[in-house]
Amino acid sequence: MKTTVVIDEKILEEAMKAANVKTKRDAIEVALLELIRKKKRDGLMEALGTFKVDLTLEELEKLRSEP
């Protein structure tokens, strides 16, 4: 799909460097995929809720080794 948008050149150049891509199209695609991934992760975290885990490294290793 072809779409025309106006994007600040400095922001786009910075995004291209950050994403290590050579084309504007690739930079925009990487940014959109990252936005989608982040929103899905945020939704999952919200659905699962949060809780505090108060374990020492030794306790965590013991839990991991138990069947």
C-alpha atoms as a PDB file:
ATOM      1  CA  MET A   1       0.000   0.000   0.000  1.00  0.00           C
ATOM      2  CA  LYS A   2       1.353   3.393  -0.905  1.00  0.00           C
ATOM      3  CA  THR A   3       0.803   6.267   1.522  1.00  0.00           C
ATOM      4  CA  THR A   4       2.176   9.784   1.638  1.00  0.00           C
ATOM      5  CA  VAL A   5       3.127  11.226   5.017  1.00  0.00           C
ATOM      6  CA  VAL A   6       5.139  14.196   6.228  1.00  0.00           C
ATOM      7  CA  ILE A   7       7.858  13.140   8.691  1.00  0.00           C
ATOM      8  CA  ASP A   8      10.546  15.293  10.265  1.00  0.00           C
ATOM      9  CA  GLU A   9      13.774  14.428   8.387  1.00  0.00           C
ATOM     10  CA  LYS A  10      15.946  14.596  11.523  1.00  0.00           C
ATOM     11  CA  ILE A  11      13.699  12.127  13.342  1.00  0.00           C
ATOM     12  CA  LEU A  12      13.625   9.811  10.347  1.00  0.00           C
ATOM     13  CA  GLU A  13      17.424   9.919   9.959  1.00  0.00           C
ATOM     14  CA  GLU A  14      17.852   9.171  13.677  1.00  0.00           C
ATOM     15  CA  ALA A  15      15.411   6.272  13.391  1.00  0.00           C
ATOM     16  CA  MET A  16      17.287   4.881  10.388  1.00  0.00           C
ATOM     17  CA  LYS A  17      20.557   4.960  12.352  1.00  0.00           C
ATOM     18  CA  ALA A  18      18.973   3.457  15.473  1.00  0.00           C
ATOM     19  CA  ALA A  19      17.378   0.639  13.464  1.00  0.00           C
ATOM     20  CA  ASN A  20      20.510   0.186  11.342  1.00  0.00           C
ATOM     21  CA  VAL A  21      18.543   0.342   8.088  1.00  0.00           C
ATOM     22  CA  LYS A  22      19.285   2.086   4.828  1.00  0.00           C
ATOM     23  CA  THR A  23      15.844   3.061   3.590  1.00  0.00           C
ATOM     24  CA  LYS A  24      13.101   5.257   4.973  1.00  0.00           C
ATOM     25  CA  ARG A  25      10.582   2.516   4.255  1.00  0.00           C
ATOM     26  CA  ASP A  26      12.542   0.025   6.368  1.00  0.00           C
ATOM     27  CA  ALA A  27      12.865   2.529   9.228  1.00  0.00           C
ATOM     28  CA  ILE A  28       9.124   3.145   9.254  1.00  0.00           C
ATOM     29  CA  GLU A  29       8.363  -0.574   9.064  1.00  0.00           C
ATOM     30  CA  VAL A  30      10.735  -1.375  11.950  1.00  0.00           C
ATOM     31  CA  ALA A  31       9.182   1.417  14.020  1.00  0.00           C
ATOM     32  CA  LEU A  32       5.639   0.195  13.370  1.00  0.00           C
ATOM     33  CA  LEU A  33       6.532  -3.409  14.214  1.00  0.00           C
ATOM     34  CA  GLU A  34       8.214  -2.260  17.427  1.00  0.00           C
ATOM     35  CA  LEU A  35       5.139  -0.222  18.382  1.00  0.00           C
ATOM     36  CA  ILE A  36       2.890  -3.240  17.809  1.00  0.00           C
ATOM     37  CA  ARG A  37       5.216  -5.500  19.833  1.00  0.00           C
ATOM     38  CA  LYS A  38       5.327  -3.012  22.708  1.00  0.00           C
ATOM     39  CA  LYS A  39       1.546  -2.593  22.790  1.00  0.00           C
ATOM     40  CA  LYS A  40       1.037  -6.369  22.820  1.00  0.00           C
ATOM     41  CA  ARG A  41       3.549  -6.730  25.653  1.00  0.00           C
ATOM     42  CA  ASP A  42       1.897  -3.914  27.620  1.00  0.00           C
ATOM     43  CA  GLY A  43      -1.506  -5.530  27.121  1.00  0.00           C
ATOM     44  CA  LEU A  44      -0.198  -8.865  28.317  1.00  0.00           C
ATOM     45  CA  MET A  45       1.387  -7.305  31.386  1.00  0.00           C
ATOM     46  CA  GLU A  46      -1.856  -5.518  32.192  1.00  0.00           C
ATOM     47  CA  ALA A  47      -3.891  -8.702  31.743  1.00  0.00           C
ATOM     48  CA  LEU A  48      -1.554 -10.723  33.957  1.00  0.00           C
ATOM     49  CA  GLY A  49      -1.151  -8.035  36.555  1.00  0.00           C
ATOM     50  CA  THR A  50       1.951  -7.410  38.557  1.00  0.00           C
ATOM     51  CA  PHE A  51       3.331  -8.909  41.682  1.00  0.00           C
ATOM     52  CA  LYS A  52       6.474  -8.583  43.730  1.00  0.00           C
ATOM     53  CA  VAL A  53       8.802 -11.543  43.804  1.00  0.00           C
ATOM     54  CA  ASP A  54      10.987 -11.492  46.875  1.00  0.00           C
ATOM     55  CA  LEU A  55      13.430 -14.336  46.277  1.00  0.00           C
ATOM     56  CA  THR A  56      17.149 -14.600  46.731  1.00  0.00           C
ATOM     57  CA  LEU A  57      19.265 -15.978  43.922  1.00  0.00           C
ATOM     58  CA  GLU A  58      19.716 -19.210  45.856  1.00  0.00           C
ATOM     59  CA  GLU A  59      15.939 -19.616  46.348  1.00  0.00           C
ATOM     60  CA  LEU A  60      15.310 -18.964  42.664  1.00  0.00           C
ATOM     61  CA  GLU A  61      17.926 -21.528  41.619  1.00  0.00           C
ATOM     62  CA  LYS A  62      16.419 -24.079  44.013  1.00  0.00           C
ATOM     63  CA  LEU A  63      12.934 -23.520  42.514  1.00  0.00           C
ATOM     64  CA  ARG A  64      14.319 -23.941  39.022  1.00  0.00           C
ATOM     65  CA  SER A  65      16.012 -27.231  39.861  1.00  0.00           C
ATOM     66  CA  GLU A  66      12.915 -28.795  41.451  1.00  0.00           C
ATOM     67  CA  PRO A  67      10.791 -30.989  39.160  1.00  0.00           C
END
